[in-house]
Amino acid sequence: MKTIRIRNFIILFFLLLLLLPWIFLVAAHLIGTKTVSFQLNDTQQRNLSETVHLIETNTENWTNQDWQHQFQSRLKSMNMDVKILSATDQEIFRSNSKDTDTLKKTEQFTIIQDGKVLGKVFIYLPNSRDIQIIAAFTGLLLAFFIIAYEMRKHILKPLEKMSLAARQIAKGDLDVQLPNSRITEIADVRDGFKIMVGGLNESFRKQVALEEERRFVISAVAHDLRTPLFALRGYLDGLEQGIAHSPEKVAKYIEVCKEKSAQLDRLVEDLFTFTKMEYLKMGIEKNGIDLVDVIQKSIDSLYPIANEKHISLNIDFSPEDCIILGDVHLLERVMTNLLDNAVRHTPRHSKIFVKCYKENNKATFTIHDTGRGFDLQDLHRVFEPLYRSEKSRNRSTGGVGLGLTISQRIIKLHGGDLAVDNHSNGGGLVTGWLPLAKIN
């Protein structure tokens, strides 16, 4: 819909207010006088001169009935009226029986002959002034009516509807009907309201989804906390009650307790990081770091666990620095999560391949384990919070289900992405990339 600016709208109203009464005035004058001129035209002047001459040359016939009839017919054809009075103001002739006050007096003169006053003559044209005034006033009223109607339709009504919409939005009702308007400024405000309502709707949808995810995480983590806690309490009770008679059995009980404690620690740490991710979306502190150094530190921290399973870590790093902008602690958490996941799912006496290299304007890294890989039906769900396939749900290898979710979100916060797949030679493959820092 084509719009018009409000100042142009007001200018059009002003022109209408000026022109419409004038148009009605001219139309009324044209209808009444058959001419657009407000002065006597040549024909009227000629008729007036002929009438004056006819009266002056026929003073002896003023009272003659035949002459009066002929004169009245002539006056009628010229759309004029004449009144003749005697020297004593007695009426001799009147062409129109109506009141002459409604007529426009055009000419008034006295007929004198031989020094003697014969009479007084009054010549009238139709008085269209009253009709013109009424017509002009009618045009003015019509202009006001049109202006009031258009202002109410295009300005007042849309503003009233937007005011109502604002009250609805303030009450939390986002299902509002926003009005259309041909006024540019009001249309701009409407578009602003539309964008705001769309943003609020999107925000509410995200809030609902986030709340549902939070409830799910809390309930699922509460369930996952219960199992190691029960196991830990059971083994501690066994130690307290002296069920473990031999030093070997005591050592076994203590080892299980330590394992369950580590599992609880990892669960609480993952939960803390996951809940903190929403606050991290507001912004993270980024510094120039070498992604190779980050990966190497994570590998060093996992060497003891890998050596315990006799897993060798094959490293293939780019000879060039892979400088990125990011939070070193968060990125170390990502690499540790991914490498720990690879170690836990790789059989004993196997290998894990880790690469990091430059690719165009990105720093790309891959982690390839030699385990059983991902089930095909699980590939599109591995980044869901607390999702674990049924086959990997045992506590000896399965984590708490937040590691991949946290890792992907941290990578995306840094402007990159993370994906999983199965390697062509078997085993799981994790591929990620981060944008390289722009060096001036």
Protein backbone atom coordinates (compact mmCIF):
# COMPACT_ATOMS: atom_id res chain seq x y z
CA MET A 1 0.00 0.00 0.00
CA LYS A 2 1.39 3.37 -1.03
CA THR A 3 1.87 5.74 1.89
CA ILE A 4 2.02 9.52 2.25
CA ARG A 5 3.89 11.55 4.83
CA ILE A 6 1.76 13.33 7.40
CA ARG A 7 2.98 16.82 6.40
CA ASN A 8 1.86 16.17 2.80
CA PHE A 9 -1.44 14.87 4.17
CA ILE A 10 -1.96 18.13 6.08
CA ILE A 11 -0.99 20.22 3.03
CA LEU A 12 -3.64 18.40 0.97
CA PHE A 13 -6.22 19.12 3.67
CA PHE A 14 -5.26 22.81 3.67
CA LEU A 15 -5.60 23.02 -0.11
CA LEU A 16 -8.98 21.27 0.09
CA LEU A 17 -10.09 23.76 2.73
CA LEU A 18 -9.14 26.65 0.45
CA LEU A 19 -10.31 25.30 -2.89
CA LEU A 20 -13.64 23.59 -2.15
CA PRO A 21 -15.52 26.72 -0.93
CA TRP A 22 -14.13 28.66 -3.91
CA ILE A 23 -15.26 25.95 -6.33
CA PHE A 24 -18.78 26.00 -4.85
CA LEU A 25 -18.82 29.83 -5.05
CA VAL A 26 -17.83 29.89 -8.71
CA ALA A 27 -20.30 27.10 -9.53
CA ALA A 28 -23.17 29.01 -7.88
CA HIS A 29 -22.20 32.21 -9.71
CA LEU A 30 -22.01 30.32 -13.01
CA ILE A 31 -25.44 28.78 -12.50
CA GLY A 32 -26.97 32.12 -11.48
CA THR A 33 -25.35 34.40 -14.04
CA LYS A 34 -24.35 31.96 -16.81
CA THR A 35 -20.84 33.44 -16.63
CA VAL A 36 -17.74 32.81 -14.60
CA SER A 37 -16.92 36.53 -14.40
CA PHE A 38 -18.02 38.48 -11.34
CA GLN A 39 -18.14 41.68 -13.42
CA LEU A 40 -20.75 42.60 -16.07
CA ASN A 41 -19.73 41.14 -19.40
CA ASP A 42 -20.08 42.84 -22.77
CA THR A 43 -23.55 41.41 -23.43
CA GLN A 44 -24.84 42.59 -20.06
CA GLN A 45 -23.32 46.03 -20.59
CA ARG A 46 -24.91 46.25 -24.03
CA ASN A 47 -28.28 45.13 -22.68
CA LEU A 48 -28.01 47.65 -19.86
CA SER A 49 -27.22 50.50 -22.30
CA GLU A 50 -30.10 49.52 -24.58
CA THR A 51 -32.50 49.39 -21.64
CA VAL A 52 -31.44 52.82 -20.41
CA HIS A 53 -31.80 54.23 -23.94
CA LEU A 54 -35.22 52.61 -24.36
CA ILE A 55 -36.47 54.13 -21.11
CA GLU A 56 -35.10 57.59 -21.87
CA THR A 57 -36.59 57.72 -25.40
CA ASN A 58 -40.03 56.50 -24.40
CA THR A 59 -40.94 58.72 -21.50
CA GLU A 60 -44.36 59.43 -23.07
CA ASN A 61 -45.08 55.65 -23.26
CA TRP A 62 -44.28 54.76 -19.64
CA THR A 63 -47.95 54.43 -18.82
CA ASN A 64 -48.89 52.77 -22.15
CA GLN A 65 -50.03 49.17 -21.54
CA ASP A 66 -48.80 47.89 -24.90
CA TRP A 67 -45.38 49.45 -24.42
CA GLN A 68 -45.16 48.08 -20.90
CA HIS A 69 -45.91 44.56 -22.16
CA GLN A 70 -43.33 44.81 -24.91
CA PHE A 71 -40.78 46.30 -22.53
CA GLN A 72 -41.41 43.60 -19.93
CA SER A 73 -40.91 40.85 -22.53
CA ARG A 74 -37.65 42.45 -23.58
CA LEU A 75 -36.47 42.71 -19.97
CA LYS A 76 -37.32 39.06 -19.38
CA SER A 77 -35.20 37.97 -22.36
CA MET A 78 -32.30 40.01 -20.97
CA ASN A 79 -32.79 38.62 -17.41
CA MET A 80 -33.22 42.13 -16.02
CA ASP A 81 -35.82 43.99 -13.97
CA VAL A 82 -36.81 47.67 -14.00
CA LYS A 83 -38.80 49.86 -11.67
CA ILE A 84 -39.96 53.36 -12.77
CA LEU A 85 -41.27 55.93 -10.28
CA SER A 86 -42.84 59.30 -10.95
CA ALA A 87 -41.42 62.58 -9.68
CA THR A 88 -43.61 62.15 -6.60
CA ASP A 89 -42.32 58.58 -6.08
CA GLN A 90 -45.49 56.97 -7.37
CA GLU A 91 -44.85 53.65 -9.06
CA ILE A 92 -45.42 53.82 -12.79
CA PHE A 93 -43.93 50.53 -13.91
CA ARG A 94 -42.50 47.39 -12.30
CA SER A 95 -41.33 44.47 -14.39
CA ASN A 96 -41.23 42.06 -11.43
CA SER A 97 -43.88 41.78 -8.79
CA LYS A 98 -41.36 40.28 -6.30
CA ASP A 99 -39.60 42.31 -3.66
CA THR A 100 -36.71 44.17 -5.28
CA ASP A 101 -34.61 43.71 -2.13
CA THR A 102 -33.77 40.24 -3.38
CA LEU A 103 -32.38 41.75 -6.58
CA LYS A 104 -29.04 43.33 -7.27
CA LYS A 105 -29.32 47.06 -8.03
CA THR A 106 -27.17 47.74 -11.08
CA GLU A 107 -28.22 51.27 -12.19
CA GLN A 108 -30.24 54.15 -10.67
CA PHE A 109 -30.84 57.48 -12.41
CA THR A 110 -33.36 60.32 -12.76
CA ILE A 111 -35.04 61.36 -16.03
CA ILE A 112 -35.12 65.18 -16.44
CA GLN A 113 -36.62 66.92 -19.43
CA ASP A 114 -36.81 70.71 -19.93
CA GLY A 115 -35.65 71.14 -16.33
CA LYS A 116 -38.52 69.07 -15.05
CA VAL A 117 -38.12 65.72 -13.29
CA LEU A 118 -40.14 63.11 -15.13
CA GLY A 119 -39.27 60.10 -13.01
CA LYS A 120 -36.75 57.87 -11.33
CA VAL A 121 -35.48 54.62 -12.86
CA PHE A 122 -34.09 51.58 -11.03
CA ILE A 123 -32.51 48.75 -13.02
CA TYR A 124 -31.83 45.37 -11.35
CA LEU A 125 -29.96 42.19 -12.20
CA PRO A 126 -30.64 38.91 -10.32
CA ASN A 127 -28.86 39.02 -6.95
CA SER A 128 -26.81 35.80 -6.73
CA ARG A 129 -24.66 36.97 -3.81
CA ASP A 130 -26.70 35.18 -1.12
CA ILE A 131 -26.68 31.98 -3.13
CA GLN A 132 -22.93 32.33 -3.61
CA ILE A 133 -22.38 32.80 0.13
CA ILE A 134 -24.52 29.77 0.91
CA ALA A 135 -22.65 27.76 -1.71
CA ALA A 136 -19.27 28.83 -0.34
CA PHE A 137 -20.34 27.95 3.23
CA THR A 138 -21.62 24.60 2.02
CA GLY A 139 -18.26 23.95 0.34
CA LEU A 140 -16.48 24.89 3.58
CA LEU A 141 -18.63 22.49 5.62
CA LEU A 142 -18.06 19.74 3.07
CA ALA A 143 -14.29 20.34 3.23
CA PHE A 144 -14.37 20.08 7.04
CA PHE A 145 -16.41 16.88 6.81
CA ILE A 146 -14.00 15.30 4.31
CA ILE A 147 -10.98 16.34 6.40
CA ALA A 148 -12.54 15.00 9.62
CA TYR A 149 -13.48 11.70 7.93
CA GLU A 150 -10.04 11.17 6.39
CA MET A 151 -8.22 12.13 9.59
CA ARG A 152 -10.33 9.73 11.62
CA LYS A 153 -9.87 6.94 9.08
CA HIS A 154 -6.13 7.30 8.43
CA ILE A 155 -4.82 8.87 11.65
CA LEU A 156 -7.12 8.66 14.68
CA LYS A 157 -8.46 5.12 14.15
CA PRO A 158 -5.01 3.54 13.55
CA LEU A 159 -3.63 5.37 16.61
CA GLU A 160 -6.54 4.16 18.74
CA LYS A 161 -5.97 0.57 17.57
CA MET A 162 -2.23 0.79 18.23
CA SER A 163 -2.93 2.19 21.70
CA LEU A 164 -5.21 -0.78 22.35
CA ALA A 165 -2.54 -3.14 20.99
CA ALA A 166 0.05 -1.58 23.33
CA ARG A 167 -2.24 -2.21 26.31
CA GLN A 168 -2.73 -5.83 25.20
CA ILE A 169 1.04 -6.31 24.87
CA ALA A 170 1.55 -4.78 28.33
CA LYS A 171 -0.85 -7.42 29.71
CA GLY A 172 1.12 -10.19 27.98
CA ASP A 173 -1.36 -10.79 25.15
CA LEU A 174 0.73 -10.86 21.98
CA ASP A 175 -2.13 -11.90 19.69
CA VAL A 176 -2.80 -8.31 18.61
CA GLN A 177 -4.29 -6.90 15.42
CA LEU A 178 -2.15 -4.07 14.08
CA PRO A 179 -3.96 -1.53 11.84
CA ASN A 180 -2.96 -0.47 8.35
CA SER A 181 -2.53 3.21 7.55
CA ARG A 182 -1.62 5.26 4.49
CA ILE A 183 0.33 7.70 6.70
CA THR A 184 4.04 6.93 6.49
CA GLU A 185 4.83 7.78 10.12
CA ILE A 186 1.97 5.65 11.46
CA ALA A 187 2.92 2.81 9.10
CA ASP A 188 6.51 3.03 10.45
CA VAL A 189 5.22 2.81 14.02
CA ARG A 190 3.07 -0.17 13.02
CA ASP A 191 6.10 -1.92 11.49
CA GLY A 192 8.02 -1.23 14.69
CA PHE A 193 5.19 -2.76 16.74
CA LYS A 194 5.17 -5.75 14.40
CA ILE A 195 8.90 -6.32 14.82
CA MET A 196 8.59 -5.91 18.59
CA VAL A 197 5.70 -8.39 18.81
CA GLY A 198 7.61 -10.85 16.63
CA GLY A 199 10.67 -10.50 18.87
CA LEU A 200 8.59 -10.97 22.02
CA ASN A 201 6.91 -14.04 20.54
CA GLU A 202 10.28 -15.51 19.63
CA SER A 203 11.63 -14.67 23.08
CA PHE A 204 8.65 -16.31 24.78
CA ARG A 205 9.01 -19.41 22.60
CA LYS A 206 12.70 -19.66 23.49
CA GLN A 207 11.87 -19.10 27.15
CA VAL A 208 9.27 -21.88 27.11
CA ALA A 209 11.64 -24.23 25.29
CA LEU A 210 14.46 -23.36 27.69
CA GLU A 211 12.21 -23.92 30.69
CA GLU A 212 11.13 -27.30 29.34
CA GLU A 213 14.77 -28.23 28.70
CA ARG A 214 15.74 -27.10 32.21
CA ARG A 215 13.00 -29.18 33.82
CA PHE A 216 14.05 -32.17 31.77
CA VAL A 217 17.73 -31.74 32.68
CA ILE A 218 16.98 -31.36 36.38
CA SER A 219 14.75 -34.43 36.47
CA ALA A 220 17.19 -36.51 34.40
CA VAL A 221 20.24 -35.44 36.42
CA ALA A 222 18.39 -36.12 39.66
CA HIS A 223 17.79 -39.64 38.36
CA ASP A 224 21.44 -40.04 37.32
CA LEU A 225 22.64 -38.76 40.69
CA ARG A 226 20.61 -41.35 42.54
CA THR A 227 22.40 -44.40 41.07
CA PRO A 228 26.03 -43.56 42.00
CA LEU A 229 24.87 -42.19 45.36
CA PHE A 230 23.09 -45.43 46.19
CA ALA A 231 26.09 -47.46 45.05
CA LEU A 232 28.48 -45.22 47.04
CA ARG A 233 26.36 -45.47 50.17
CA GLY A 234 26.05 -49.25 49.77
CA TYR A 235 29.81 -49.80 49.54
CA LEU A 236 30.48 -47.39 52.42
CA ASP A 237 27.92 -49.24 54.54
CA GLY A 238 29.68 -52.48 53.60
CA LEU A 239 33.00 -51.08 54.80
CA GLU A 240 31.42 -49.76 57.98
CA GLN A 241 29.69 -53.07 58.76
CA GLY A 242 32.86 -55.07 58.06
CA ILE A 243 31.49 -57.00 55.09
CA ALA A 244 34.87 -56.62 53.36
CA HIS A 245 36.96 -59.11 55.40
CA SER A 246 40.14 -59.18 53.36
CA PRO A 247 42.47 -56.29 52.42
CA GLU A 248 41.84 -57.09 48.76
CA LYS A 249 38.07 -56.71 49.23
CA VAL A 250 38.53 -53.50 51.19
CA ALA A 251 40.73 -52.12 48.41
CA LYS A 252 38.08 -53.13 45.87
CA TYR A 253 35.35 -51.36 47.86
CA ILE A 254 37.47 -48.22 48.15
CA GLU A 255 38.24 -48.29 44.41
CA VAL A 256 34.52 -48.49 43.60
CA CYS A 257 33.79 -45.64 46.02
CA LYS A 258 36.43 -43.48 44.34
CA GLU A 259 35.00 -44.33 40.91
CA LYS A 260 31.49 -43.37 42.02
CA SER A 261 32.83 -40.18 43.60
CA ALA A 262 34.57 -39.27 40.33
CA GLN A 263 31.36 -40.02 38.43
CA LEU A 264 29.41 -37.73 40.76
CA ASP A 265 32.05 -35.04 40.39
CA ARG A 266 31.87 -35.24 36.60
CA LEU A 267 28.07 -35.13 36.69
CA VAL A 268 27.96 -32.07 38.96
CA GLU A 269 30.63 -30.32 36.88
CA ASP A 270 28.74 -31.01 33.63
CA LEU A 271 25.49 -29.82 35.16
CA PHE A 272 27.13 -26.62 36.44
CA THR A 273 28.65 -25.88 33.03
CA PHE A 274 25.40 -26.66 31.23
CA THR A 275 23.34 -24.30 33.40
CA LYS A 276 26.02 -21.61 33.00
CA MET A 277 25.79 -21.76 29.18
CA GLU A 278 22.74 -19.44 29.06
CA TYR A 279 24.69 -16.73 30.89
CA LEU A 280 27.69 -17.26 28.61
CA LYS A 281 25.49 -16.39 25.62
CA MET A 282 25.58 -12.79 26.83
CA GLY A 283 29.25 -12.72 25.91
CA ILE A 284 32.55 -14.39 26.67
CA GLU A 285 36.02 -12.96 27.09
CA LYS A 286 38.07 -13.81 23.99
CA ASN A 287 41.82 -13.72 23.68
CA GLY A 288 44.20 -14.83 20.96
CA ILE A 289 45.15 -18.49 21.62
CA ASP A 290 46.71 -21.34 19.65
CA LEU A 291 44.19 -24.16 19.22
CA VAL A 292 47.07 -26.68 18.97
CA ASP A 293 48.20 -25.71 22.50
CA VAL A 294 44.67 -26.12 23.82
CA ILE A 295 44.35 -29.61 22.35
CA GLN A 296 47.82 -30.60 23.60
CA LYS A 297 46.97 -29.58 27.19
CA SER A 298 43.80 -31.67 27.09
CA ILE A 299 45.75 -34.64 25.73
CA ASP A 300 48.33 -34.29 28.51
CA SER A 301 45.60 -34.31 31.15
CA LEU A 302 44.13 -37.57 29.73
CA TYR A 303 47.41 -39.46 29.24
CA PRO A 304 47.09 -41.35 32.56
CA ILE A 305 43.61 -42.67 31.69
CA ALA A 306 44.70 -43.59 28.15
CA ASN A 307 47.84 -45.35 29.44
CA GLU A 308 45.75 -47.31 31.92
CA LYS A 309 43.78 -48.74 28.94
CA HIS A 310 46.94 -49.01 26.83
CA ILE A 311 45.45 -46.60 24.27
CA SER A 312 47.92 -44.75 22.08
CA LEU A 313 47.16 -41.17 20.98
CA ASN A 314 48.40 -40.42 17.44
CA ILE A 315 48.81 -36.68 16.97
CA ASP A 316 48.98 -34.85 13.63
CA PHE A 317 49.20 -31.10 14.16
CA SER A 318 49.70 -28.34 11.57
CA PRO A 319 53.22 -26.89 11.61
CA GLU A 320 51.61 -23.44 11.42
CA ASP A 321 50.01 -21.74 14.40
CA CYS A 322 46.20 -22.04 14.46
CA ILE A 323 45.49 -18.74 16.23
CA ILE A 324 41.85 -18.20 17.19
CA LEU A 325 39.96 -15.80 19.47
CA GLY A 326 38.36 -17.53 22.42
CA ASP A 327 38.19 -18.42 26.10
CA VAL A 328 41.02 -20.86 26.77
CA HIS A 329 39.30 -22.50 29.78
CA LEU A 330 36.05 -23.16 27.90
CA LEU A 331 37.90 -24.54 24.87
CA GLU A 332 40.02 -26.79 27.09
CA ARG A 333 36.76 -28.07 28.56
CA VAL A 334 35.53 -28.87 25.05
CA MET A 335 38.67 -30.75 24.04
CA THR A 336 38.80 -32.61 27.35
CA ASN A 337 35.15 -33.66 26.97
CA LEU A 338 35.69 -34.90 23.40
CA LEU A 339 38.94 -36.73 24.17
CA ASP A 340 37.55 -38.25 27.37
CA ASN A 341 34.54 -39.46 25.40
CA ALA A 342 36.87 -41.00 22.80
CA VAL A 343 38.99 -42.74 25.46
CA ARG A 344 35.96 -44.16 27.25
CA HIS A 345 34.50 -45.59 24.03
CA THR A 346 37.78 -46.95 22.64
CA PRO A 347 38.65 -50.58 23.53
CA ARG A 348 41.86 -51.41 25.34
CA HIS A 349 45.05 -51.62 23.28
CA SER A 350 43.55 -49.43 20.53
CA LYS A 351 44.35 -46.05 19.00
CA ILE A 352 42.89 -42.52 18.88
CA PHE A 353 43.84 -40.16 16.07
CA VAL A 354 43.85 -36.41 16.74
CA LYS A 355 44.40 -33.81 14.00
CA CYS A 356 44.45 -30.01 13.88
CA TYR A 357 45.13 -28.01 10.73
CA LYS A 358 44.35 -24.81 8.87
CA GLU A 359 41.65 -24.89 6.21
CA ASN A 360 41.02 -21.58 4.42
CA ASN A 361 40.06 -19.14 7.19
CA LYS A 362 39.24 -21.87 9.72
CA ALA A 363 41.12 -23.96 12.25
CA THR A 364 39.76 -27.51 11.88
CA PHE A 365 40.24 -30.39 14.31
CA THR A 366 39.20 -34.06 14.19
CA ILE A 367 39.14 -36.80 16.84
CA HIS A 368 38.84 -40.34 15.47
CA ASP A 369 38.45 -43.20 17.96
CA THR A 370 38.54 -46.91 17.08
CA GLY A 371 35.53 -47.95 19.08
CA ARG A 372 32.20 -49.24 17.79
CA GLY A 373 31.16 -45.79 16.55
CA PHE A 374 27.75 -44.15 16.67
CA ASP A 375 24.52 -45.96 15.88
CA LEU A 376 23.06 -44.48 12.71
CA GLN A 377 19.71 -43.73 14.37
CA ASP A 378 21.53 -41.78 17.09
CA LEU A 379 23.69 -39.51 14.92
CA HIS A 380 21.12 -36.71 14.70
CA ARG A 381 20.44 -36.81 18.46
CA VAL A 382 23.86 -37.02 20.07
CA PHE A 383 23.89 -33.29 20.87
CA GLU A 384 20.57 -33.41 22.73
CA PRO A 385 20.94 -32.85 26.48
CA LEU A 386 21.22 -36.12 28.43
CA TYR A 387 20.67 -38.25 25.33
CA ARG A 388 22.42 -41.61 25.27
CA SER A 389 21.61 -44.58 23.14
CA GLU A 390 20.45 -47.62 25.06
CA LYS A 391 23.57 -49.65 24.07
CA SER A 392 25.91 -47.10 25.63
CA ARG A 393 23.89 -46.48 28.76
CA ASN A 394 25.92 -48.65 31.13
CA ARG A 395 27.92 -46.70 33.67
CA SER A 396 31.22 -48.35 32.83
CA THR A 397 31.48 -46.47 29.52
CA GLY A 398 28.49 -44.13 29.34
CA GLY A 399 28.78 -40.57 30.63
CA VAL A 400 25.98 -38.46 32.02
CA GLY A 401 24.89 -37.25 28.58
CA LEU A 402 25.86 -33.58 28.73
CA GLY A 403 29.44 -33.62 27.41
CA LEU A 404 28.65 -33.37 23.68
CA THR A 405 25.85 -30.86 24.30
CA ILE A 406 28.15 -28.57 26.27
CA SER A 407 30.97 -28.95 23.74
CA GLN A 408 28.80 -28.03 20.77
CA ARG A 409 27.35 -24.98 22.53
CA ILE A 410 30.78 -23.69 23.54
CA ILE A 411 32.08 -24.14 19.98
CA LYS A 412 29.06 -22.27 18.58
CA LEU A 413 29.59 -19.47 21.10
CA HIS A 414 33.02 -19.03 19.48
CA GLY A 415 31.50 -18.81 15.99
CA GLY A 416 32.31 -22.37 14.92
CA ASP A 417 30.50 -25.69 14.76
CA LEU A 418 30.83 -29.32 15.82
CA ALA A 419 29.61 -32.46 14.05
CA VAL A 420 29.82 -36.22 14.59
CA ASP A 421 29.87 -39.12 12.15
CA ASN A 422 31.28 -42.61 11.73
CA HIS A 423 34.73 -42.95 10.15
CA SER A 424 35.03 -44.95 6.93
CA ASN A 425 37.56 -47.23 8.67
CA GLY A 426 35.30 -47.71 11.68
CA GLY A 427 34.93 -45.88 14.95
CA GLY A 428 33.47 -42.50 15.78
CA LEU A 429 34.62 -39.25 14.16
CA VAL A 430 34.19 -35.82 15.73
CA THR A 431 34.91 -32.83 13.47
CA GLY A 432 34.93 -29.23 14.57
CA TRP A 433 36.11 -25.86 13.33
CA LEU A 434 36.69 -22.40 14.68
CA PRO A 435 37.31 -19.14 12.76
CA LEU A 436 40.93 -18.06 12.62
CA ALA A 437 41.78 -14.73 14.20
CA LYS A 438 42.25 -11.89 11.72
CA ILE A 439 45.79 -10.64 12.00
CA ASN A 440 46.24 -7.02 10.89
